[in-house]
Amino acid sequence: MFKRFLVACLTLLLGSSTALASEPYSVNEKAIVKVVCQEGIGTAFKIAQDKYVSAKHVVSKTECTIDGKPISNVDITDKEDIATFTGPHTPNWVKVSCKGFEENKTYVAIGYGLGFPITMQNPWISTDYVQQGYNTFIGEGLPGMSGGPVINRKGEVTGIVTMRWPTRGYALKFSKICE
C-alpha cells in the first residue's frame, strides 16, 4: 500500500515517463562518447550505424579510441573543423537537424569536459556574430568538449562544439553530413 502511495506521489511530482521523455534538449546520451587520443581527450557523437562526428582538431593528429577500440576511416576533407569516422558498433545514435542555428535561441552543449561527461548547466544562446565561419554563443565550454553535439530544444543535433573562447559551434547544415 505504501509503495503504491509513494509511486503515485513521485508520478505527480515528476510527471509521467512520457512527459520526461519529451523534455526539451532530450537526446540519446549513449550516442555521445569520449574520444581518447595520444594528445588529449575530446568528444564525438554517433549519427548512423558505425558513423561518428567530431571536431577535426580532435581526431586528425594522432590515433584515437572510443572505449579502448580504435577509430578508423577518418574523413577530414570538410573545409571546416569537422570530421567523420568509423567507430564501435552500438545501437545508439542521435537525430541530426540540418536547419542550423537560429539567432537568440537556446541550445545545449554536451561533451566530455575535462574528461568527464558534462551537460552545460546553462544553455548556450546563439548570437548574430559569426567569427571565421563559426557561430558564437553566450555560454561556456570546457576543454574536452570539442567535437560534442550542440542540441536544439527538439533534442536534435544542429552543430558541434569547436572552440570555447569565445564559445563557438559549427552548424551541421554547412557540412557534408547535410549534403
N, C-alpha and C. Protein backbone atom coordinates (compact mmCIF):
# COMPACT_ATOMS: atom_id res chain seq x y z
N MET A 1 0.83 -1.19 0.00
CA MET A 1 0.00 0.00 0.00
C MET A 1 0.88 1.25 0.00
N PHE A 2 1.86 1.27 0.91
CA PHE A 2 2.74 2.44 0.98
C PHE A 2 3.51 2.62 -0.32
N LYS A 3 3.92 1.50 -0.92
CA LYS A 3 4.68 1.55 -2.17
C LYS A 3 3.85 2.20 -3.28
N ARG A 4 2.55 1.84 -3.38
CA ARG A 4 1.68 2.46 -4.38
C ARG A 4 1.52 3.95 -4.12
N PHE A 5 1.39 4.31 -2.85
CA PHE A 5 1.26 5.72 -2.48
C PHE A 5 2.51 6.48 -2.88
N LEU A 6 3.68 5.91 -2.61
CA LEU A 6 4.94 6.54 -2.94
C LEU A 6 5.09 6.72 -4.46
N VAL A 7 4.74 5.70 -5.23
CA VAL A 7 4.79 5.78 -6.69
C VAL A 7 3.84 6.86 -7.20
N ALA A 8 2.65 6.94 -6.64
CA ALA A 8 1.68 7.96 -7.05
C ALA A 8 2.20 9.36 -6.75
N CYS A 9 2.80 9.54 -5.59
CA CYS A 9 3.36 10.85 -5.23
C CYS A 9 4.51 11.25 -6.16
N LEU A 10 5.39 10.31 -6.43
CA LEU A 10 6.50 10.59 -7.33
C LEU A 10 6.01 10.90 -8.74
N THR A 11 5.00 10.20 -9.19
CA THR A 11 4.44 10.45 -10.52
C THR A 11 3.85 11.85 -10.59
N LEU A 12 3.16 12.27 -9.53
CA LEU A 12 2.61 13.63 -9.51
C LEU A 12 3.71 14.68 -9.48
N LEU A 13 4.74 14.44 -8.68
CA LEU A 13 5.83 15.41 -8.57
C LEU A 13 6.67 15.49 -9.84
N LEU A 14 6.99 14.35 -10.39
CA LEU A 14 7.90 14.31 -11.53
C LEU A 14 7.20 14.27 -12.87
N GLY A 15 5.95 13.91 -12.89
CA GLY A 15 5.26 13.72 -14.16
C GLY A 15 5.47 12.29 -14.63
N SER A 16 4.78 11.93 -15.66
CA SER A 16 4.93 10.57 -16.17
C SER A 16 6.22 10.43 -16.96
N SER A 17 6.63 9.20 -17.24
CA SER A 17 7.85 8.98 -18.01
C SER A 17 7.70 9.55 -19.41
N THR A 18 6.49 9.59 -19.96
CA THR A 18 6.27 10.18 -21.28
C THR A 18 6.57 11.66 -21.23
N ALA A 19 6.15 12.34 -20.17
CA ALA A 19 6.43 13.77 -20.05
C ALA A 19 7.92 14.00 -19.93
N LEU A 20 8.61 13.14 -19.18
CA LEU A 20 10.05 13.32 -19.03
C LEU A 20 10.78 13.11 -20.36
N ALA A 21 10.32 12.15 -21.14
CA ALA A 21 10.98 11.86 -22.41
C ALA A 21 10.81 12.99 -23.40
N SER A 22 9.77 13.80 -23.25
CA SER A 22 9.54 14.88 -24.20
C SER A 22 10.13 16.21 -23.75
N GLU A 23 10.88 16.21 -22.66
CA GLU A 23 11.51 17.43 -22.19
C GLU A 23 12.42 18.02 -23.26
N PRO A 24 12.52 19.35 -23.32
CA PRO A 24 13.42 19.98 -24.30
C PRO A 24 14.86 19.49 -24.11
N TYR A 25 15.59 19.44 -25.18
CA TYR A 25 17.00 19.05 -25.22
C TYR A 25 17.23 17.57 -24.94
N SER A 26 16.19 16.77 -24.87
CA SER A 26 16.37 15.35 -24.61
C SER A 26 17.06 14.70 -25.80
N VAL A 27 18.17 14.01 -25.54
CA VAL A 27 18.95 13.39 -26.60
C VAL A 27 19.44 12.03 -26.11
N ASN A 28 19.74 11.15 -27.01
CA ASN A 28 20.27 9.84 -26.65
C ASN A 28 21.72 10.02 -26.19
N GLU A 29 21.93 10.19 -24.91
CA GLU A 29 23.27 10.46 -24.38
C GLU A 29 24.23 9.28 -24.56
N LYS A 30 23.71 8.07 -24.77
CA LYS A 30 24.59 6.92 -25.01
C LYS A 30 25.29 7.04 -26.36
N ALA A 31 24.80 7.91 -27.23
CA ALA A 31 25.41 8.11 -28.54
C ALA A 31 26.51 9.18 -28.50
N ILE A 32 26.73 9.77 -27.34
CA ILE A 32 27.78 10.79 -27.17
C ILE A 32 28.92 10.12 -26.42
N VAL A 33 30.11 10.13 -27.02
CA VAL A 33 31.20 9.33 -26.50
C VAL A 33 32.48 10.15 -26.29
N LYS A 34 33.30 9.63 -25.38
CA LYS A 34 34.61 10.23 -25.13
C LYS A 34 35.60 9.66 -26.15
N VAL A 35 36.36 10.54 -26.77
CA VAL A 35 37.40 10.15 -27.71
C VAL A 35 38.74 10.38 -27.02
N VAL A 36 39.51 9.32 -26.87
CA VAL A 36 40.81 9.41 -26.21
C VAL A 36 41.89 9.30 -27.29
N CYS A 37 42.70 10.33 -27.37
CA CYS A 37 43.78 10.38 -28.36
C CYS A 37 45.11 10.55 -27.61
N GLN A 38 46.19 10.31 -28.30
CA GLN A 38 47.51 10.46 -27.67
C GLN A 38 47.73 11.88 -27.17
N GLU A 39 47.13 12.85 -27.85
CA GLU A 39 47.34 14.25 -27.49
C GLU A 39 46.25 14.83 -26.59
N GLY A 40 45.26 14.05 -26.21
CA GLY A 40 44.23 14.59 -25.34
C GLY A 40 42.89 13.88 -25.50
N ILE A 41 41.88 14.49 -24.92
CA ILE A 41 40.53 13.94 -24.89
C ILE A 41 39.58 14.90 -25.58
N GLY A 42 38.64 14.35 -26.31
CA GLY A 42 37.60 15.13 -26.95
C GLY A 42 36.30 14.36 -26.90
N THR A 43 35.35 14.79 -27.71
CA THR A 43 34.02 14.21 -27.72
C THR A 43 33.61 13.92 -29.15
N ALA A 44 32.76 12.94 -29.34
CA ALA A 44 32.16 12.64 -30.64
C ALA A 44 30.73 12.19 -30.40
N PHE A 45 29.95 12.15 -31.47
CA PHE A 45 28.60 11.63 -31.36
C PHE A 45 28.31 10.78 -32.60
N LYS A 46 27.48 9.78 -32.37
CA LYS A 46 27.18 8.81 -33.42
C LYS A 46 25.93 9.25 -34.18
N ILE A 47 26.03 9.25 -35.53
CA ILE A 47 24.89 9.69 -36.34
C ILE A 47 24.28 8.57 -37.18
N ALA A 48 24.94 7.42 -37.26
CA ALA A 48 24.43 6.29 -38.04
C ALA A 48 25.08 5.00 -37.51
N GLN A 49 24.78 3.90 -38.16
CA GLN A 49 25.23 2.58 -37.71
C GLN A 49 26.64 2.56 -37.10
N ASP A 50 27.64 2.94 -37.85
CA ASP A 50 29.02 2.97 -37.36
C ASP A 50 29.68 4.33 -37.61
N LYS A 51 28.91 5.35 -37.92
CA LYS A 51 29.45 6.65 -38.31
C LYS A 51 29.36 7.66 -37.16
N TYR A 52 30.49 8.27 -36.88
CA TYR A 52 30.60 9.25 -35.81
C TYR A 52 31.02 10.60 -36.39
N VAL A 53 30.77 11.66 -35.62
CA VAL A 53 31.18 13.01 -35.98
C VAL A 53 31.93 13.61 -34.80
N SER A 54 32.98 14.37 -35.09
CA SER A 54 33.73 15.09 -34.06
C SER A 54 34.35 16.32 -34.72
N ALA A 55 35.04 17.10 -33.94
CA ALA A 55 35.81 18.22 -34.49
C ALA A 55 37.08 17.66 -35.12
N LYS A 56 37.47 18.23 -36.23
CA LYS A 56 38.66 17.77 -36.95
C LYS A 56 39.89 17.86 -36.05
N HIS A 57 39.99 18.93 -35.25
CA HIS A 57 41.18 19.09 -34.41
C HIS A 57 41.26 18.05 -33.29
N VAL A 58 40.20 17.34 -33.03
CA VAL A 58 40.21 16.28 -32.02
C VAL A 58 40.82 14.99 -32.59
N VAL A 59 40.42 14.60 -33.80
CA VAL A 59 40.75 13.27 -34.32
C VAL A 59 41.77 13.23 -35.45
N SER A 60 42.28 14.36 -35.89
CA SER A 60 43.11 14.34 -37.09
C SER A 60 44.61 14.18 -36.85
N LYS A 61 45.09 14.34 -35.64
CA LYS A 61 46.54 14.36 -35.41
C LYS A 61 47.14 13.04 -34.98
N THR A 62 46.45 12.27 -34.19
CA THR A 62 47.02 11.04 -33.64
C THR A 62 45.99 9.93 -33.64
N GLU A 63 46.43 8.74 -33.29
CA GLU A 63 45.50 7.62 -33.18
C GLU A 63 44.56 7.87 -32.01
N CYS A 64 43.28 7.56 -32.22
CA CYS A 64 42.27 7.80 -31.20
C CYS A 64 41.44 6.54 -30.98
N THR A 65 40.84 6.45 -29.81
CA THR A 65 39.99 5.31 -29.46
C THR A 65 38.69 5.77 -28.81
N ILE A 66 37.71 4.90 -28.86
CA ILE A 66 36.46 5.06 -28.12
C ILE A 66 36.29 3.77 -27.33
N ASP A 67 36.19 3.88 -26.04
CA ASP A 67 36.08 2.69 -25.17
C ASP A 67 37.20 1.69 -25.47
N GLY A 68 38.40 2.20 -25.74
CA GLY A 68 39.56 1.34 -25.98
C GLY A 68 39.63 0.76 -27.38
N LYS A 69 38.63 1.03 -28.21
CA LYS A 69 38.61 0.50 -29.58
C LYS A 69 39.04 1.60 -30.55
N PRO A 70 39.97 1.29 -31.46
CA PRO A 70 40.46 2.33 -32.37
C PRO A 70 39.39 2.79 -33.35
N ILE A 71 39.46 4.09 -33.69
CA ILE A 71 38.60 4.63 -34.73
C ILE A 71 39.32 4.45 -36.06
N SER A 72 38.58 4.48 -37.16
CA SER A 72 39.19 4.30 -38.47
C SER A 72 38.44 5.13 -39.51
N ASN A 73 38.95 5.12 -40.72
CA ASN A 73 38.32 5.82 -41.85
C ASN A 73 38.02 7.28 -41.52
N VAL A 74 38.96 7.96 -40.91
CA VAL A 74 38.77 9.36 -40.54
C VAL A 74 38.73 10.21 -41.80
N ASP A 75 37.63 10.93 -41.99
CA ASP A 75 37.46 11.82 -43.14
C ASP A 75 37.55 13.26 -42.66
N ILE A 76 38.66 13.91 -43.00
CA ILE A 76 38.86 15.30 -42.60
C ILE A 76 38.86 16.22 -43.82
N THR A 77 38.15 15.80 -44.87
CA THR A 77 38.15 16.58 -46.10
C THR A 77 37.21 17.78 -46.06
N ASP A 78 36.33 17.84 -45.07
CA ASP A 78 35.48 19.02 -44.93
C ASP A 78 36.38 20.22 -44.68
N LYS A 79 36.08 21.34 -45.28
CA LYS A 79 36.97 22.51 -45.15
C LYS A 79 36.96 23.11 -43.74
N GLU A 80 35.95 22.83 -42.97
CA GLU A 80 35.86 23.38 -41.62
C GLU A 80 36.31 22.36 -40.58
N ASP A 81 36.18 22.72 -39.31
CA ASP A 81 36.65 21.90 -38.19
C ASP A 81 35.63 20.81 -37.86
N ILE A 82 35.46 19.88 -38.81
CA ILE A 82 34.52 18.78 -38.62
C ILE A 82 35.09 17.54 -39.31
N ALA A 83 34.91 16.40 -38.68
CA ALA A 83 35.41 15.14 -39.23
C ALA A 83 34.38 14.05 -38.98
N THR A 84 34.37 13.06 -39.85
CA THR A 84 33.57 11.87 -39.63
C THR A 84 34.52 10.68 -39.58
N PHE A 85 34.10 9.62 -38.93
CA PHE A 85 34.94 8.42 -38.84
C PHE A 85 34.09 7.22 -38.48
N THR A 86 34.70 6.05 -38.61
CA THR A 86 34.06 4.80 -38.22
C THR A 86 34.52 4.45 -36.81
N GLY A 87 33.57 4.04 -35.98
CA GLY A 87 33.89 3.67 -34.61
C GLY A 87 33.12 2.44 -34.19
N PRO A 88 33.12 2.15 -32.91
CA PRO A 88 32.47 0.93 -32.40
C PRO A 88 30.99 0.85 -32.79
N HIS A 89 30.58 -0.36 -33.09
CA HIS A 89 29.18 -0.61 -33.43
C HIS A 89 28.36 -0.62 -32.15
N THR A 90 27.37 0.25 -32.09
CA THR A 90 26.41 0.26 -30.97
C THR A 90 25.03 0.57 -31.55
N PRO A 91 23.97 0.29 -30.81
CA PRO A 91 22.63 0.57 -31.33
C PRO A 91 22.19 2.02 -31.12
N ASN A 92 23.05 2.87 -30.59
CA ASN A 92 22.65 4.23 -30.22
C ASN A 92 23.16 5.27 -31.21
N TRP A 93 22.29 6.19 -31.60
CA TRP A 93 22.74 7.36 -32.34
C TRP A 93 21.77 8.51 -32.11
N VAL A 94 22.16 9.69 -32.55
CA VAL A 94 21.38 10.90 -32.32
C VAL A 94 20.62 11.29 -33.58
N LYS A 95 19.61 12.13 -33.41
CA LYS A 95 18.90 12.73 -34.54
C LYS A 95 19.68 13.98 -34.94
N VAL A 96 19.78 14.21 -36.24
CA VAL A 96 20.51 15.36 -36.76
C VAL A 96 19.52 16.32 -37.41
N SER A 97 19.72 17.62 -37.19
CA SER A 97 18.95 18.65 -37.86
C SER A 97 19.90 19.43 -38.77
N CYS A 98 19.46 19.67 -39.98
CA CYS A 98 20.27 20.44 -40.93
C CYS A 98 19.76 21.86 -41.07
N LYS A 99 19.03 22.34 -40.07
CA LYS A 99 18.47 23.70 -40.12
C LYS A 99 19.46 24.76 -39.66
N GLY A 100 20.49 24.38 -38.93
CA GLY A 100 21.45 25.35 -38.43
C GLY A 100 21.00 26.02 -37.15
N PHE A 101 21.71 27.06 -36.77
CA PHE A 101 21.41 27.78 -35.54
C PHE A 101 20.55 29.00 -35.84
N GLU A 102 19.62 29.29 -34.95
CA GLU A 102 18.79 30.48 -35.08
C GLU A 102 19.23 31.49 -34.03
N GLU A 103 19.30 32.75 -34.44
CA GLU A 103 19.74 33.82 -33.54
C GLU A 103 18.81 33.93 -32.33
N ASN A 104 19.41 34.15 -31.17
CA ASN A 104 18.71 34.32 -29.89
C ASN A 104 17.91 33.10 -29.45
N LYS A 105 18.26 31.93 -29.95
CA LYS A 105 17.64 30.69 -29.50
C LYS A 105 18.60 29.99 -28.54
N THR A 106 18.06 29.12 -27.71
CA THR A 106 18.91 28.41 -26.76
C THR A 106 19.23 27.01 -27.27
N TYR A 107 20.45 26.58 -26.93
CA TYR A 107 20.95 25.26 -27.30
C TYR A 107 21.71 24.72 -26.09
N VAL A 108 21.92 23.43 -26.07
CA VAL A 108 22.69 22.82 -25.00
C VAL A 108 23.90 22.13 -25.61
N ALA A 109 25.04 22.29 -24.96
CA ALA A 109 26.27 21.62 -25.38
C ALA A 109 26.53 20.45 -24.44
N ILE A 110 26.90 19.31 -25.03
CA ILE A 110 27.21 18.12 -24.25
C ILE A 110 28.57 17.62 -24.69
N GLY A 111 29.36 17.17 -23.74
CA GLY A 111 30.67 16.63 -24.10
C GLY A 111 31.40 16.10 -22.89
N TYR A 112 32.65 15.76 -23.09
CA TYR A 112 33.48 15.22 -22.03
C TYR A 112 34.45 16.31 -21.57
N GLY A 113 33.89 17.32 -20.92
CA GLY A 113 34.68 18.41 -20.38
C GLY A 113 35.61 17.91 -19.29
N LEU A 114 36.90 18.22 -19.46
CA LEU A 114 37.93 17.78 -18.52
C LEU A 114 37.93 16.25 -18.39
N GLY A 115 37.38 15.56 -19.40
CA GLY A 115 37.37 14.09 -19.40
C GLY A 115 36.16 13.46 -18.76
N PHE A 116 35.24 14.28 -18.25
CA PHE A 116 34.04 13.77 -17.58
C PHE A 116 32.80 14.13 -18.38
N PRO A 117 31.76 13.29 -18.35
CA PRO A 117 30.54 13.62 -19.10
C PRO A 117 29.89 14.87 -18.51
N ILE A 118 29.70 15.87 -19.36
CA ILE A 118 29.18 17.16 -18.92
C ILE A 118 28.06 17.60 -19.84
N THR A 119 26.95 18.02 -19.26
CA THR A 119 25.94 18.79 -19.98
C THR A 119 26.00 20.16 -19.34
N MET A 120 26.29 21.17 -20.13
CA MET A 120 26.43 22.51 -19.57
C MET A 120 25.13 22.90 -18.87
N GLN A 121 25.24 23.37 -17.63
CA GLN A 121 24.07 23.69 -16.82
C GLN A 121 23.24 24.83 -17.40
N ASN A 122 23.91 25.79 -18.00
CA ASN A 122 23.20 26.91 -18.62
C ASN A 122 23.21 26.73 -20.13
N PRO A 123 22.04 26.82 -20.75
CA PRO A 123 22.00 26.68 -22.20
C PRO A 123 22.84 27.76 -22.88
N TRP A 124 23.34 27.43 -24.05
CA TRP A 124 24.03 28.41 -24.88
C TRP A 124 22.97 29.24 -25.60
N ILE A 125 23.23 30.52 -25.76
CA ILE A 125 22.34 31.40 -26.51
C ILE A 125 23.08 31.84 -27.77
N SER A 126 22.48 31.58 -28.92
CA SER A 126 23.14 31.92 -30.18
C SER A 126 23.11 33.44 -30.39
N THR A 127 24.17 33.93 -30.98
CA THR A 127 24.26 35.36 -31.28
C THR A 127 24.26 35.54 -32.80
N ASP A 128 24.23 36.79 -33.23
CA ASP A 128 24.30 37.06 -34.66
C ASP A 128 25.74 37.23 -35.13
N TYR A 129 26.68 37.06 -34.22
CA TYR A 129 28.09 37.24 -34.55
C TYR A 129 28.69 35.93 -35.04
N VAL A 130 29.27 35.97 -36.22
CA VAL A 130 29.93 34.82 -36.80
C VAL A 130 31.42 35.14 -36.87
N GLN A 131 32.25 34.28 -36.32
CA GLN A 131 33.69 34.50 -36.32
C GLN A 131 34.36 33.41 -37.13
N GLN A 132 34.98 33.79 -38.22
CA GLN A 132 35.68 32.86 -39.11
C GLN A 132 34.79 31.69 -39.54
N GLY A 133 33.51 31.97 -39.81
CA GLY A 133 32.58 30.95 -40.27
C GLY A 133 31.89 30.15 -39.18
N TYR A 134 32.22 30.44 -37.92
CA TYR A 134 31.63 29.69 -36.80
C TYR A 134 30.68 30.59 -36.03
N ASN A 135 29.51 30.03 -35.68
CA ASN A 135 28.56 30.77 -34.86
C ASN A 135 29.12 30.94 -33.46
N THR A 136 28.87 32.09 -32.87
CA THR A 136 29.29 32.31 -31.49
C THR A 136 28.06 32.26 -30.58
N PHE A 137 28.33 31.91 -29.33
CA PHE A 137 27.26 31.73 -28.35
C PHE A 137 27.62 32.43 -27.05
N ILE A 138 26.60 32.82 -26.32
CA ILE A 138 26.78 33.24 -24.94
C ILE A 138 26.65 31.96 -24.14
N GLY A 139 27.68 31.56 -23.47
CA GLY A 139 27.68 30.31 -22.73
C GLY A 139 29.10 29.85 -22.52
N GLU A 140 29.24 28.74 -21.84
CA GLU A 140 30.56 28.24 -21.50
C GLU A 140 30.80 26.85 -22.09
N GLY A 141 32.07 26.57 -22.33
CA GLY A 141 32.51 25.26 -22.74
C GLY A 141 33.76 24.91 -21.95
N LEU A 142 34.08 23.65 -21.91
CA LEU A 142 35.26 23.20 -21.17
C LEU A 142 36.19 22.44 -22.10
N PRO A 143 37.49 22.41 -21.79
CA PRO A 143 38.40 21.58 -22.59
C PRO A 143 37.91 20.13 -22.58
N GLY A 144 37.92 19.50 -23.74
CA GLY A 144 37.43 18.13 -23.86
C GLY A 144 36.04 18.06 -24.47
N MET A 145 35.34 19.19 -24.51
CA MET A 145 34.01 19.22 -25.10
C MET A 145 34.07 19.37 -26.62
N SER A 146 35.23 19.71 -27.16
CA SER A 146 35.36 19.85 -28.61
C SER A 146 34.88 18.59 -29.30
N GLY A 147 34.08 18.78 -30.34
CA GLY A 147 33.53 17.66 -31.08
C GLY A 147 32.19 17.19 -30.56
N GLY A 148 31.79 17.70 -29.40
CA GLY A 148 30.50 17.31 -28.84
C GLY A 148 29.34 17.97 -29.55
N PRO A 149 28.14 17.45 -29.37
CA PRO A 149 26.98 17.99 -30.06
C PRO A 149 26.44 19.27 -29.42
N VAL A 150 25.90 20.14 -30.26
CA VAL A 150 25.12 21.29 -29.82
C VAL A 150 23.68 20.93 -30.20
N ILE A 151 22.82 20.91 -29.20
CA ILE A 151 21.48 20.33 -29.34
C ILE A 151 20.40 21.41 -29.24
N ASN A 152 19.41 21.33 -30.13
CA ASN A 152 18.29 22.27 -30.08
C ASN A 152 17.23 21.77 -29.10
N ARG A 153 16.17 22.54 -28.93
CA ARG A 153 15.13 22.19 -27.95
C ARG A 153 14.36 20.92 -28.33
N LYS A 154 14.45 20.51 -29.59
CA LYS A 154 13.78 19.28 -30.02
C LYS A 154 14.64 18.04 -29.75
N GLY A 155 15.85 18.25 -29.23
CA GLY A 155 16.74 17.12 -28.97
C GLY A 155 17.52 16.69 -30.20
N GLU A 156 17.58 17.55 -31.21
CA GLU A 156 18.32 17.24 -32.44
C GLU A 156 19.68 17.91 -32.39
N VAL A 157 20.67 17.25 -32.94
CA VAL A 157 22.00 17.84 -33.03
C VAL A 157 22.02 18.79 -34.23
N THR A 158 22.31 20.05 -33.98
CA THR A 158 22.35 21.05 -35.05
C THR A 158 23.77 21.48 -35.38
N GLY A 159 24.70 21.18 -34.48
CA GLY A 159 26.09 21.58 -34.72
C GLY A 159 27.03 20.88 -33.76
N ILE A 160 28.32 21.26 -33.86
CA ILE A 160 29.33 20.68 -32.97
C ILE A 160 30.07 21.79 -32.23
N VAL A 161 30.57 21.45 -31.06
CA VAL A 161 31.39 22.36 -30.27
C VAL A 161 32.77 22.42 -30.94
N THR A 162 33.24 23.63 -31.23
CA THR A 162 34.55 23.75 -31.88
C THR A 162 35.56 24.55 -31.07
N MET A 163 35.10 25.49 -30.27
CA MET A 163 36.04 26.29 -29.50
C MET A 163 35.33 26.89 -28.29
N ARG A 164 36.11 27.13 -27.23
CA ARG A 164 35.46 27.63 -26.02
C ARG A 164 35.70 29.11 -25.75
N TRP A 165 36.70 29.75 -26.34
CA TRP A 165 36.92 31.19 -26.12
C TRP A 165 37.09 31.89 -27.44
N PRO A 166 36.16 32.67 -27.97
CA PRO A 166 34.79 32.68 -27.49
C PRO A 166 34.11 31.36 -27.82
N THR A 167 33.04 31.10 -27.12
CA THR A 167 32.32 29.86 -27.31
C THR A 167 31.79 29.82 -28.74
N ARG A 168 32.20 28.76 -29.48
CA ARG A 168 31.78 28.66 -30.88
C ARG A 168 31.32 27.26 -31.22
N GLY A 169 30.44 27.21 -32.19
CA GLY A 169 29.97 25.95 -32.73
C GLY A 169 29.87 26.04 -34.23
N TYR A 170 29.89 24.91 -34.87
CA TYR A 170 29.77 24.86 -36.32
C TYR A 170 28.47 24.16 -36.68
N ALA A 171 27.63 24.82 -37.48
CA ALA A 171 26.34 24.26 -37.87
C ALA A 171 26.53 23.11 -38.86
N LEU A 172 25.88 22.00 -38.59
CA LEU A 172 25.99 20.84 -39.47
C LEU A 172 25.43 21.12 -40.86
N LYS A 173 24.54 22.12 -40.98
CA LYS A 173 23.94 22.39 -42.29
C LYS A 173 24.98 22.80 -43.33
N PHE A 174 26.15 23.23 -42.89
CA PHE A 174 27.20 23.63 -43.83
C PHE A 174 28.21 22.50 -44.10
N SER A 175 27.98 21.33 -43.51
CA SER A 175 28.93 20.23 -43.63
C SER A 175 28.45 19.19 -44.64
N LYS A 176 29.32 18.24 -44.92
CA LYS A 176 28.97 17.14 -45.83
C LYS A 176 27.85 16.27 -45.27
N ILE A 177 27.68 16.30 -43.96
CA ILE A 177 26.64 15.49 -43.32
C ILE A 177 25.25 15.87 -43.85
N CYS A 178 25.07 17.14 -44.16
CA CYS A 178 23.76 17.61 -44.60
C CYS A 178 23.68 17.84 -46.11
N GLU A 179 24.63 17.32 -46.85
CA GLU A 179 24.56 17.48 -48.31
C GLU A 179 23.52 16.58 -48.91
